PDB file of N, CA and C in Angstrom:
ATOM      1  N   MET A   1     127.862  95.294  92.951  1.00  0.00           N
ATOM      2  CA  MET A   1     126.422  95.343  92.766  1.00  0.00           C
ATOM      3  C   MET A   1     125.908  93.965  92.375  1.00  0.00           C
ATOM      4  N   VAL A   2     124.784  93.584  92.944  1.00  0.00           N
ATOM      5  CA  VAL A   2     124.140  92.316  92.637  1.00  0.00           C
ATOM      6  C   VAL A   2     123.398  92.455  91.321  1.00  0.00           C
ATOM      7  N   ASP A   3     123.536  91.469  90.417  1.00  0.00           N
ATOM      8  CA  ASP A   3     122.863  91.594  89.130  1.00  0.00           C
ATOM      9  C   ASP A   3     121.568  90.810  89.047  1.00  0.00           C
ATOM     10  N   LYS A   4     121.212  90.070  90.101  1.00  0.00           N
ATOM     11  CA  LYS A   4     119.907  89.408  90.094  1.00  0.00           C
ATOM     12  C   LYS A   4     119.436  89.164  91.531  1.00  0.00           C
ATOM     13  N   VAL A   5     118.133  89.194  91.686  1.00  0.00           N
ATOM     14  CA  VAL A   5     117.478  88.933  92.963  1.00  0.00           C
ATOM     15  C   VAL A   5     116.192  88.186  92.640  1.00  0.00           C
ATOM     16  N   ARG A   6     115.840  87.214  93.460  1.00  0.00           N
ATOM     17  CA  ARG A   6     114.588  86.481  93.268  1.00  0.00           C
ATOM     18  C   ARG A   6     113.543  87.019  94.236  1.00  0.00           C
ATOM     19  N   PHE A   7     112.325  87.186  93.718  1.00  0.00           N
ATOM     20  CA  PHE A   7     111.199  87.613  94.532  1.00  0.00           C
ATOM     21  C   PHE A   7     110.128  86.537  94.457  1.00  0.00           C
ATOM     22  N   ALA A   8     109.577  86.200  95.599  1.00  0.00           N
ATOM     23  CA  ALA A   8     108.510  85.192  95.630  1.00  0.00           C
ATOM     24  C   ALA A   8     107.223  85.788  95.079  1.00  0.00           C
ATOM     25  N   PHE A   9     106.436  84.969  94.419  1.00  0.00           N
ATOM     26  CA  PHE A   9     105.111  85.395  93.978  1.00  0.00           C
ATOM     27  C   PHE A   9     104.223  85.512  95.211  1.00  0.00           C
ATOM     28  N   THR A  10     103.283  86.442  95.189  1.00  0.00           N
ATOM     29  CA  THR A  10     102.404  86.695  96.326  1.00  0.00           C
ATOM     30  C   THR A  10     100.991  86.231  96.011  1.00  0.00           C
ATOM     31  N   GLU A  11     100.419  85.458  96.927  1.00  0.00           N
ATOM     32  CA  GLU A  11      99.039  85.016  96.742  1.00  0.00           C
ATOM     33  C   GLU A  11      98.102  86.136  97.156  1.00  0.00           C
ATOM     34  N   VAL A  12      97.236  86.562  96.243  1.00  0.00           N
ATOM     35  CA  VAL A  12      96.321  87.670  96.485  1.00  0.00           C
ATOM     36  C   VAL A  12      94.989  87.184  97.030  1.00  0.00           C
ATOM     37  N   ASP A  13      94.461  86.085  96.470  1.00  0.00           N
ATOM     38  CA  ASP A  13      93.167  85.546  96.891  1.00  0.00           C
ATOM     39  C   ASP A  13      93.244  84.027  96.807  1.00  0.00           C
ATOM     40  N   SER A  14      93.285  83.357  97.949  1.00  0.00           N
ATOM     41  CA  SER A  14      93.456  81.902  97.968  1.00  0.00           C
ATOM     42  C   SER A  14      92.308  81.164  97.276  1.00  0.00           C
ATOM     43  N   ASN A  15      91.146  81.804  97.120  1.00  0.00           N
ATOM     44  CA  ASN A  15      90.015  81.171  96.434  1.00  0.00           C
ATOM     45  C   ASN A  15      90.259  81.001  94.938  1.00  0.00           C
ATOM     46  N   LEU A  16      91.197  81.748  94.379  1.00  0.00           N
ATOM     47  CA  LEU A  16      91.460  81.688  92.942  1.00  0.00           C
ATOM     48  C   LEU A  16      92.545  80.685  92.568  1.00  0.00           C
ATOM     49  N   GLY A  17      93.152  80.063  93.540  1.00  0.00           N
ATOM     50  CA  GLY A  17      94.201  79.092  93.263  1.00  0.00           C
ATOM     51  C   GLY A  17      95.404  79.748  92.610  1.00  0.00           C
ATOM     52  N   ALA A  18      95.967  79.077  91.592  1.00  0.00           N
ATOM     53  CA  ALA A  18      97.173  79.562  90.931  1.00  0.00           C
ATOM     54  C   ALA A  18      96.982  80.919  90.259  1.00  0.00           C
ATOM     55  N   LEU A  19      95.740  81.250  89.878  1.00  0.00           N
ATOM     56  CA  LEU A  19      95.484  82.532  89.222  1.00  0.00           C
ATOM     57  C   LEU A  19      95.677  83.721  90.155  1.00  0.00           C
ATOM     58  N   SER A  20      95.698  83.471  91.455  1.00  0.00           N
ATOM     59  CA  SER A  20      95.816  84.582  92.396  1.00  0.00           C
ATOM     60  C   SER A  20      97.264  84.886  92.760  1.00  0.00           C
ATOM     61  N   THR A  21      98.200  84.130  92.245  1.00  0.00           N
ATOM     62  CA  THR A  21      99.605  84.327  92.574  1.00  0.00           C
ATOM     63  C   THR A  21     100.224  85.297  91.575  1.00  0.00           C
ATOM     64  N   LEU A  22     100.654  86.457  92.085  1.00  0.00           N
ATOM     65  CA  LEU A  22     101.159  87.523  91.217  1.00  0.00           C
ATOM     66  C   LEU A  22     102.562  87.962  91.631  1.00  0.00           C
ATOM     67  N   PRO A  23     103.353  88.451  90.667  1.00  0.00           N
ATOM     68  CA  PRO A  23     104.720  88.878  90.975  1.00  0.00           C
ATOM     69  C   PRO A  23     104.777  90.320  91.503  1.00  0.00           C
ATOM     70  N   TYR A  24     104.776  90.455  92.807  1.00  0.00           N
ATOM     71  CA  TYR A  24     104.936  91.764  93.438  1.00  0.00           C
ATOM     72  C   TYR A  24     106.380  91.918  93.899  1.00  0.00           C
ATOM     73  N   LEU A  25     106.881  93.137  93.864  1.00  0.00           N
ATOM     74  CA  LEU A  25     108.231  93.370  94.356  1.00  0.00           C
ATOM     75  C   LEU A  25     108.272  94.644  95.189  1.00  0.00           C
ATOM     76  N   PRO A  26     109.200  94.698  96.152  1.00  0.00           N
ATOM     77  CA  PRO A  26     109.314  95.895  96.979  1.00  0.00           C
ATOM     78  C   PRO A  26     109.906  97.030  96.155  1.00  0.00           C
ATOM     79  N   ILE A  27     109.364  98.228  96.326  1.00  0.00           N
ATOM     80  CA  ILE A  27     109.831  99.362  95.530  1.00  0.00           C
ATOM     81  C   ILE A  27     109.762 100.629  96.381  1.00  0.00           C
ATOM     82  N   THR A  28     110.731 101.496  96.193  1.00  0.00           N
ATOM     83  CA  THR A  28     110.715 102.818  96.828  1.00  0.00           C
ATOM     84  C   THR A  28     110.599 103.848  95.718  1.00  0.00           C
ATOM     85  N   LEU A  29     109.578 104.700  95.796  1.00  0.00           N
ATOM     86  CA  LEU A  29     109.360 105.759  94.810  1.00  0.00           C
ATOM     87  C   LEU A  29     109.719 107.089  95.450  1.00  0.00           C
ATOM     88  N   SER A  30     110.440 107.917  94.697  1.00  0.00           N
ATOM     89  CA  SER A  30     110.858 109.221  95.213  1.00  0.00           C
ATOM     90  C   SER A  30     110.502 110.317  94.226  1.00  0.00           C
ATOM     91  N   TYR A  31     110.081 111.458  94.790  1.00  0.00           N
ATOM     92  CA  TYR A  31     109.749 112.638  93.995  1.00  0.00           C
ATOM     93  C   TYR A  31     110.151 113.855  94.819  1.00  0.00           C
ATOM     94  N   ARG A  32     111.053 114.629  94.253  1.00  0.00           N
ATOM     95  CA  ARG A  32     111.606 115.772  94.977  1.00  0.00           C
ATOM     96  C   ARG A  32     112.190 115.282  96.298  1.00  0.00           C
ATOM     97  N   ASN A  33     111.760 115.740  97.463  1.00  0.00           N
ATOM     98  CA  ASN A  33     112.346 115.241  98.715  1.00  0.00           C
ATOM     99  C   ASN A  33     111.424 114.294  99.470  1.00  0.00           C
ATOM    100  N   GLN A  34     110.464 113.685  98.807  1.00  0.00           N
ATOM    101  CA  GLN A  34     109.549 112.736  99.443  1.00  0.00           C
ATOM    102  C   GLN A  34     109.801 111.328  98.891  1.00  0.00           C
ATOM    103  N   SER A  35     109.656 110.328  99.753  1.00  0.00           N
ATOM    104  CA  SER A  35     109.787 108.932  99.329  1.00  0.00           C
ATOM    105  C   SER A  35     108.676 108.100  99.945  1.00  0.00           C
ATOM    106  N   LEU A  36     108.264 107.085  99.219  1.00  0.00           N
ATOM    107  CA  LEU A  36     107.268 106.121  99.693  1.00  0.00           C
ATOM    108  C   LEU A  36     107.779 104.721  99.411  1.00  0.00           C
ATOM    109  N   ARG A  37     107.629 103.837 100.391  1.00  0.00           N
ATOM    110  CA  ARG A  37     107.962 102.429 100.185  1.00  0.00           C
ATOM    111  C   ARG A  37     106.666 101.664 100.010  1.00  0.00           C
ATOM    112  N   GLY A  38     106.695 100.714  99.121  1.00  0.00           N
ATOM    113  CA  GLY A  38     105.508  99.907  98.892  1.00  0.00           C
ATOM    114  C   GLY A  38     105.843  98.687  98.070  1.00  0.00           C
ATOM    115  N   THR A  39     104.810  98.109  97.481  1.00  0.00           N
ATOM    116  CA  THR A  39     105.005  96.979  96.583  1.00  0.00           C
ATOM    117  C   THR A  39     104.382  97.327  95.243  1.00  0.00           C
ATOM    118  N   GLY A  40     104.980  96.819  94.198  1.00  0.00           N
ATOM    119  CA  GLY A  40     104.470  97.061  92.859  1.00  0.00           C
ATOM    120  C   GLY A  40     104.283  95.755  92.122  1.00  0.00           C
ATOM    121  N   LEU A  41     103.266  95.701  91.296  1.00  0.00           N
ATOM    122  CA  LEU A  41     103.025  94.525  90.465  1.00  0.00           C
ATOM    123  C   LEU A  41     103.952  94.591  89.259  1.00  0.00           C
ATOM    124  N   LEU A  42     104.743  93.563  89.080  1.00  0.00           N
ATOM    125  CA  LEU A  42     105.637  93.485  87.935  1.00  0.00           C
ATOM    126  C   LEU A  42     104.852  92.936  86.754  1.00  0.00           C
ATOM    127  N   ASP A  43     104.612  93.767  85.746  1.00  0.00           N
ATOM    128  CA  ASP A  43     103.855  93.371  84.563  1.00  0.00           C
ATOM    129  C   ASP A  43     104.724  93.647  83.348  1.00  0.00           C
ATOM    130  N   SER A  44     105.492  92.662  82.936  1.00  0.00           N
ATOM    131  CA  SER A  44     106.448  92.859  81.847  1.00  0.00           C
ATOM    132  C   SER A  44     105.770  93.066  80.492  1.00  0.00           C
ATOM    133  N   GLY A  45     104.460  92.831  80.394  1.00  0.00           N
ATOM    134  CA  GLY A  45     103.742  93.042  79.144  1.00  0.00           C
ATOM    135  C   GLY A  45     103.021  94.373  79.088  1.00  0.00           C
ATOM    136  N   SER A  46     103.138  95.168  80.128  1.00  0.00           N
ATOM    137  CA  SER A  46     102.416  96.437  80.193  1.00  0.00           C
ATOM    138  C   SER A  46     103.169  97.532  79.438  1.00  0.00           C
ATOM    139  N   SER A  47     102.416  98.430  78.828  1.00  0.00           N
ATOM    140  CA  SER A  47     103.039  99.550  78.123  1.00  0.00           C
ATOM    141  C   SER A  47     102.914 100.853  78.910  1.00  0.00           C
ATOM    142  N   VAL A  48     102.317 100.785  80.104  1.00  0.00           N
ATOM    143  CA  VAL A  48     102.130 101.991  80.909  1.00  0.00           C
ATOM    144  C   VAL A  48     102.247 101.632  82.388  1.00  0.00           C
ATOM    145  N   ASN A  49     102.825 102.539  83.161  1.00  0.00           N
ATOM    146  CA  ASN A  49     102.884 102.387  84.614  1.00  0.00           C
ATOM    147  C   ASN A  49     101.751 103.196  85.221  1.00  0.00           C
ATOM    148  N   VAL A  50     101.069 102.621  86.186  1.00  0.00           N
ATOM    149  CA  VAL A  50      99.943 103.305  86.818  1.00  0.00           C
ATOM    150  C   VAL A  50     100.260 103.496  88.295  1.00  0.00           C
ATOM    151  N   LEU A  51     100.074 104.708  88.764  1.00  0.00           N
ATOM    152  CA  LEU A  51     100.292 105.048  90.163  1.00  0.00           C
ATOM    153  C   LEU A  51      98.968 105.520  90.740  1.00  0.00           C
ATOM    154  N   PRO A  52      98.553 104.970  91.871  1.00  0.00           N
ATOM    155  CA  PRO A  52      97.318 105.476  92.476  1.00  0.00           C
ATOM    156  C   PRO A  52      97.413 106.980  92.721  1.00  0.00           C
ATOM    157  N   TYR A  53      96.353 107.680  92.408  1.00  0.00           N
ATOM    158  CA  TYR A  53      96.297 109.136  92.533  1.00  0.00           C
ATOM    159  C   TYR A  53      96.758 109.586  93.922  1.00  0.00           C
ATOM    160  N   GLU A  54      96.289 108.887  94.962  1.00  0.00           N
ATOM    161  CA  GLU A  54      96.604 109.255  96.337  1.00  0.00           C
ATOM    162  C   GLU A  54      98.097 109.141  96.627  1.00  0.00           C
ATOM    163  N   MET A  55      98.758 108.157  96.026  1.00  0.00           N
ATOM    164  CA  MET A  55     100.207 108.015  96.242  1.00  0.00           C
ATOM    165  C   MET A  55     100.952 109.195  95.640  1.00  0.00           C
ATOM    166  N   GLY A  56     100.496 109.658  94.492  1.00  0.00           N
ATOM    167  CA  GLY A  56     101.105 110.846  93.894  1.00  0.00           C
ATOM    168  C   GLY A  56     100.974 112.042  94.815  1.00  0.00           C
ATOM    169  N   LEU A  57      99.800 112.177  95.428  1.00  0.00           N
ATOM    170  CA  LEU A  57      99.590 113.278  96.372  1.00  0.00           C
ATOM    171  C   LEU A  57     100.504 113.147  97.589  1.00  0.00           C
ATOM    172  N   GLU A  58     100.662 111.916  98.099  1.00  0.00           N
ATOM    173  CA  GLU A  58     101.551 111.692  99.242  1.00  0.00           C
ATOM    174  C   GLU A  58     102.992 112.076  98.924  1.00  0.00           C
ATOM    175  N   LEU A  59     103.384 111.922  97.665  1.00  0.00           N
ATOM    176  CA  LEU A  59     104.734 112.284  97.252  1.00  0.00           C
ATOM    177  C   LEU A  59     104.870 113.788  97.001  1.00  0.00           C
ATOM    178  N   GLY A  60     103.772 114.520  97.081  1.00  0.00           N
ATOM    179  CA  GLY A  60     103.817 115.965  96.888  1.00  0.00           C
ATOM    180  C   GLY A  60     103.564 116.401  95.461  1.00  0.00           C
ATOM    181  N   ALA A  61     103.129 115.491  94.615  1.00  0.00           N
ATOM    182  CA  ALA A  61     102.863 115.832  93.215  1.00  0.00           C
ATOM    183  C   ALA A  61     101.477 116.443  93.072  1.00  0.00           C
ATOM    184  N   VAL A  62     101.364 117.373  92.172  1.00  0.00           N
ATOM    185  CA  VAL A  62     100.066 117.938  91.808  1.00  0.00           C
ATOM    186  C   VAL A  62      99.821 117.469  90.377  1.00  0.00           C
ATOM    187  N   TRP A  63      98.965 116.435  90.242  1.00  0.00           N
ATOM    188  CA  TRP A  63      98.758 115.812  88.940  1.00  0.00           C
ATOM    189  C   TRP A  63      98.355 116.831  87.880  1.00  0.00           C
ATOM    190  N   GLU A  64      97.496 117.761  88.239  1.00  0.00           N
ATOM    191  CA  GLU A  64      96.983 118.721  87.264  1.00  0.00           C
ATOM    192  C   GLU A  64      98.060 119.685  86.757  1.00  0.00           C
ATOM    193  N   ARG A  65      99.190 119.754  87.432  1.00  0.00           N
ATOM    194  CA  ARG A  65     100.290 120.628  87.001  1.00  0.00           C
ATOM    195  C   ARG A  65     101.335 119.904  86.159  1.00  0.00           C
ATOM    196  N   GLN A  66     101.161 118.611  85.953  1.00  0.00           N
ATOM    197  CA  GLN A  66     102.115 117.864  85.142  1.00  0.00           C
ATOM    198  C   GLN A  66     101.923 118.224  83.677  1.00  0.00           C
ATOM    199  N   THR A  67     103.012 118.452  82.975  1.00  0.00           N
ATOM    200  CA  THR A  67     102.934 118.924  81.590  1.00  0.00           C
ATOM    201  C   THR A  67     103.313 117.867  80.555  1.00  0.00           C
ATOM    202  N   LEU A  68     103.840 116.744  80.991  1.00  0.00           N
ATOM    203  CA  LEU A  68     104.242 115.692  80.068  1.00  0.00           C
ATOM    204  C   LEU A  68     103.005 114.898  79.647  1.00  0.00           C
ATOM    205  N   ALA A  69     102.550 115.098  78.408  1.00  0.00           N
ATOM    206  CA  ALA A  69     101.345 114.422  77.898  1.00  0.00           C
ATOM    207  C   ALA A  69     101.682 112.981  77.514  1.00  0.00           C
ATOM    208  N   VAL A  70     100.733 112.094  77.744  1.00  0.00           N
ATOM    209  CA  VAL A  70     100.897 110.680  77.420  1.00  0.00           C
ATOM    210  C   VAL A  70      99.723 110.250  76.548  1.00  0.00           C
ATOM    211  N   PRO A  71      99.986 109.773  75.324  1.00  0.00           N
ATOM    212  CA  PRO A  71      98.878 109.285  74.502  1.00  0.00           C
ATOM    213  C   PRO A  71      98.447 107.899  74.985  1.00  0.00           C
ATOM    214  N   LEU A  72      97.163 107.723  75.179  1.00  0.00           N
ATOM    215  CA  LEU A  72      96.629 106.427  75.584  1.00  0.00           C
ATOM    216  C   LEU A  72      95.974 105.764  74.394  1.00  0.00           C
ATOM    217  N   GLY A  73      95.931 104.453  74.386  1.00  0.00           N
ATOM    218  CA  GLY A  73      95.323 103.726  73.285  1.00  0.00           C
ATOM    219  C   GLY A  73      94.102 102.953  73.732  1.00  0.00           C
ATOM    220  N   GLY A  74      93.497 102.268  72.776  1.00  0.00           N
ATOM    221  CA  GLY A  74      92.354 101.419  73.076  1.00  0.00           C
ATOM    222  C   GLY A  74      91.187 102.188  73.642  1.00  0.00           C
ATOM    223  N   ASN A  75      90.502 101.582  74.609  1.00  0.00           N
ATOM    224  CA  ASN A  75      89.313 102.216  75.174  1.00  0.00           C
ATOM    225  C   ASN A  75      89.647 103.414  76.067  1.00  0.00           C
ATOM    226  N   LEU A  76      90.924 103.689  76.307  1.00  0.00           N
ATOM    227  CA  LEU A  76      91.325 104.867  77.091  1.00  0.00           C
ATOM    228  C   LEU A  76      91.722 106.049  76.208  1.00  0.00           C
ATOM    229  N   SER A  77      91.680 105.864  74.891  1.00  0.00           N
ATOM    230  CA  SER A  77      92.179 106.909  73.983  1.00  0.00           C
ATOM    231  C   SER A  77      91.386 108.209  74.046  1.00  0.00           C
ATOM    232  N   ARG A  78      90.173 108.175  74.553  1.00  0.00           N
ATOM    233  CA  ARG A  78      89.374 109.391  74.634  1.00  0.00           C
ATOM    234  C   ARG A  78      89.718 110.235  75.867  1.00  0.00           C
ATOM    235  N   PHE A  79      90.596 109.723  76.723  1.00  0.00           N
ATOM    236  CA  PHE A  79      90.966 110.439  77.932  1.00  0.00           C
ATOM    237  C   PHE A  79      92.283 111.178  77.769  1.00  0.00           C
ATOM    238  N   GLU A  80      92.359 112.364  78.364  1.00  0.00           N
ATOM    239  CA  GLU A  80      93.618 113.100  78.424  1.00  0.00           C
ATOM    240  C   GLU A  80      94.429 112.526  79.573  1.00  0.00           C
ATOM    241  N   ALA A  81      95.704 112.286  79.349  1.00  0.00           N
ATOM    242  CA  ALA A  81      96.550 111.729  80.400  1.00  0.00           C
ATOM    243  C   ALA A  81      97.846 112.513  80.494  1.00  0.00           C
ATOM    244  N   ARG A  82      98.363 112.604  81.688  1.00  0.00           N
ATOM    245  CA  ARG A  82      99.645 113.261  81.946  1.00  0.00           C
ATOM    246  C   ARG A  82     100.538 112.280  82.689  1.00  0.00           C
ATOM    247  N   ALA A  83     101.842 112.498  82.575  1.00  0.00           N
ATOM    248  CA  ALA A  83     102.792 111.606  83.233  1.00  0.00           C
ATOM    249  C   ALA A  83     103.542 112.329  84.336  1.00  0.00           C
ATOM    250  N   LEU A  84     103.887 111.578  85.348  1.00  0.00           N
ATOM    251  CA  LEU A  84     104.705 112.039  86.456  1.00  0.00           C
ATOM    252  C   LEU A  84     105.939 111.143  86.471  1.00  0.00           C
ATOM    253  N   VAL A  85     107.125 111.734  86.384  1.00  0.00           N
ATOM    254  CA  VAL A  85     108.360 110.958  86.372  1.00  0.00           C
ATOM    255  C   VAL A  85     108.887 110.864  87.806  1.00  0.00           C
ATOM    256  N   LEU A  86     109.065 109.628  88.264  1.00  0.00           N
ATOM    257  CA  LEU A  86     109.541 109.358  89.619  1.00  0.00           C
ATOM    258  C   LEU A  86     110.825 108.549  89.567  1.00  0.00           C
ATOM    259  N   SER A  87     111.607 108.645  90.611  1.00  0.00           N
ATOM    260  CA  SER A  87     112.759 107.777  90.778  1.00  0.00           C
ATOM    261  C   SER A  87     112.273 106.516  91.485  1.00  0.00           C
ATOM    262  N   ALA A  88     112.641 105.358  90.964  1.00  0.00           N
ATOM    263  CA  ALA A  88     112.199 104.085  91.534  1.00  0.00           C
ATOM    264  C   ALA A  88     113.408 103.219  91.863  1.00  0.00           C
ATOM    265  N   THR A  89     113.392 102.658  93.070  1.00  0.00           N
ATOM    266  CA  THR A  89     114.481 101.790  93.506  1.00  0.00           C
ATOM    267  C   THR A  89     113.899 100.470  93.988  1.00  0.00           C
ATOM    268  N   VAL A  90     114.453  99.379  93.475  1.00  0.00           N
ATOM    269  CA  VAL A  90     114.072  98.036  93.906  1.00  0.00           C
ATOM    270  C   VAL A  90     115.294  97.405  94.552  1.00  0.00           C
ATOM    271  N   GLU A  91     115.098  97.011  95.837  1.00  0.00           N
ATOM    272  CA  GLU A  91     116.177  96.382  96.598  1.00  0.00           C
ATOM    273  C   GLU A  91     117.446  97.223  96.520  1.00  0.00           C
ATOM    274  N   GLN A  92     118.582  96.574  96.227  1.00  0.00           N
ATOM    275  CA  GLN A  92     119.857  97.282  96.206  1.00  0.00           C
ATOM    276  C   GLN A  92     120.276  97.737  94.807  1.00  0.00           C
ATOM    277  N   PHE A  93     119.358  97.652  93.837  1.00  0.00           N
ATOM    278  CA  PHE A  93     119.682  98.089  92.484  1.00  0.00           C
ATOM    279  C   PHE A  93     119.716  99.610  92.409  1.00  0.00           C
ATOM    280  N   LEU A  94     120.409 100.119  91.424  1.00  0.00           N
ATOM    281  CA  LEU A  94     120.468 101.568  91.224  1.00  0.00           C
ATOM    282  C   LEU A  94     119.080 102.098  90.864  1.00  0.00           C
ATOM    283  N   PRO A  95     118.761 103.321  91.277  1.00  0.00           N
ATOM    284  CA  PRO A  95     117.456 103.895  90.934  1.00  0.00           C
ATOM    285  C   PRO A  95     117.318 104.114  89.430  1.00  0.00           C
ATOM    286  N   VAL A  96     116.085 104.020  88.955  1.00  0.00           N
ATOM    287  CA  VAL A  96     115.765 104.316  87.558  1.00  0.00           C
ATOM    288  C   VAL A  96     114.596 105.288  87.548  1.00  0.00           C
ATOM    289  N   GLU A  97     114.450 106.019  86.465  1.00  0.00           N
ATOM    290  CA  GLU A  97     113.305 106.911  86.325  1.00  0.00           C
ATOM    291  C   GLU A  97     112.173 106.166  85.629  1.00  0.00           C
ATOM    292  N   LEU A  98     110.973 106.277  86.197  1.00  0.00           N
ATOM    293  CA  LEU A  98     109.781 105.676  85.617  1.00  0.00           C
ATOM    294  C   LEU A  98     108.721 106.754  85.461  1.00  0.00           C
ATOM    295  N   ALA A  99     108.001 106.703  84.357  1.00  0.00           N
ATOM    296  CA  ALA A  99     106.895 107.639  84.140  1.00  0.00           C
ATOM    297  C   ALA A  99     105.593 106.924  84.489  1.00  0.00           C
ATOM    298  N   PHE A 100     104.782 107.564  85.312  1.00  0.00           N
ATOM    299  CA  PHE A 100     103.483 107.038  85.708  1.00  0.00           C
ATOM    300  C   PHE A 100     102.414 107.935  85.124  1.00  0.00           C
ATOM    301  N   GLU A 101     101.329 107.351  84.658  1.00  0.00           N
ATOM    302  CA  GLU A 101     100.274 108.154  84.037  1.00  0.00           C
ATOM    303  C   GLU A 101      99.067 108.262  84.950  1.00  0.00           C
ATOM    304  N   VAL A 102      98.328 109.351  84.723  1.00  0.00           N
ATOM    305  CA  VAL A 102      97.027 109.537  85.365  1.00  0.00           C
ATOM    306  C   VAL A 102      96.123 110.182  84.337  1.00  0.00           C
ATOM    307  N   SER A 103      94.897 109.699  84.246  1.00  0.00           N
ATOM    308  CA  SER A 103      93.912 110.308  83.349  1.00  0.00           C
ATOM    309  C   SER A 103      93.314 111.525  84.035  1.00  0.00           C
ATOM    310  N   LEU A 104      93.245 112.635  83.332  1.00  0.00           N
ATOM    311  CA  LEU A 104      92.737 113.865  83.923  1.00  0.00           C
ATOM    312  C   LEU A 104      91.267 114.125  83.610  1.00  0.00           C
ATOM    313  N   LYS A 105      90.874 113.937  82.359  1.00  0.00           N
ATOM    314  CA  LYS A 105      89.476 114.217  82.001  1.00  0.00           C
ATOM    315  C   LYS A 105      89.192 113.605  80.636  1.00  0.00           C
ATOM    316  N   ARG A 106      87.915 113.567  80.282  1.00  0.00           N
ATOM    317  CA  ARG A 106      87.524 113.065  78.954  1.00  0.00           C
ATOM    318  C   ARG A 106      87.853 114.094  77.888  1.00  0.00           C
ATOM    319  N   ARG A 107      88.212 113.591  76.731  1.00  0.00           N
ATOM    320  CA  ARG A 107      88.476 114.469  75.588  1.00  0.00           C
ATOM    321  C   ARG A 107      87.179 114.880  74.950  1.00  0.00           C
TER     322      ARG A 107
END
């Protein structure tokens, strides 16, 4: 198994110069028997993973049926949030489980 891989930073908007270069990496997300390939923003300072609602639907998840509650902080603390646990694979590394949150409604 390879213990390191380098990924190039991706320029998002050339008008922003260096500020537009972000660390995206290829990722495969799996839930039950569905998989999606895409790119994810690597944010090592983030305390929460966010998955677009539509991607969850494509994987066959029903957000409203998720029972794992996630407490949100800051200006999101008034929202109820639930988590969806997915298997995530980057390149040839072993899959890991990641929890993604979605806000359901205001408290």
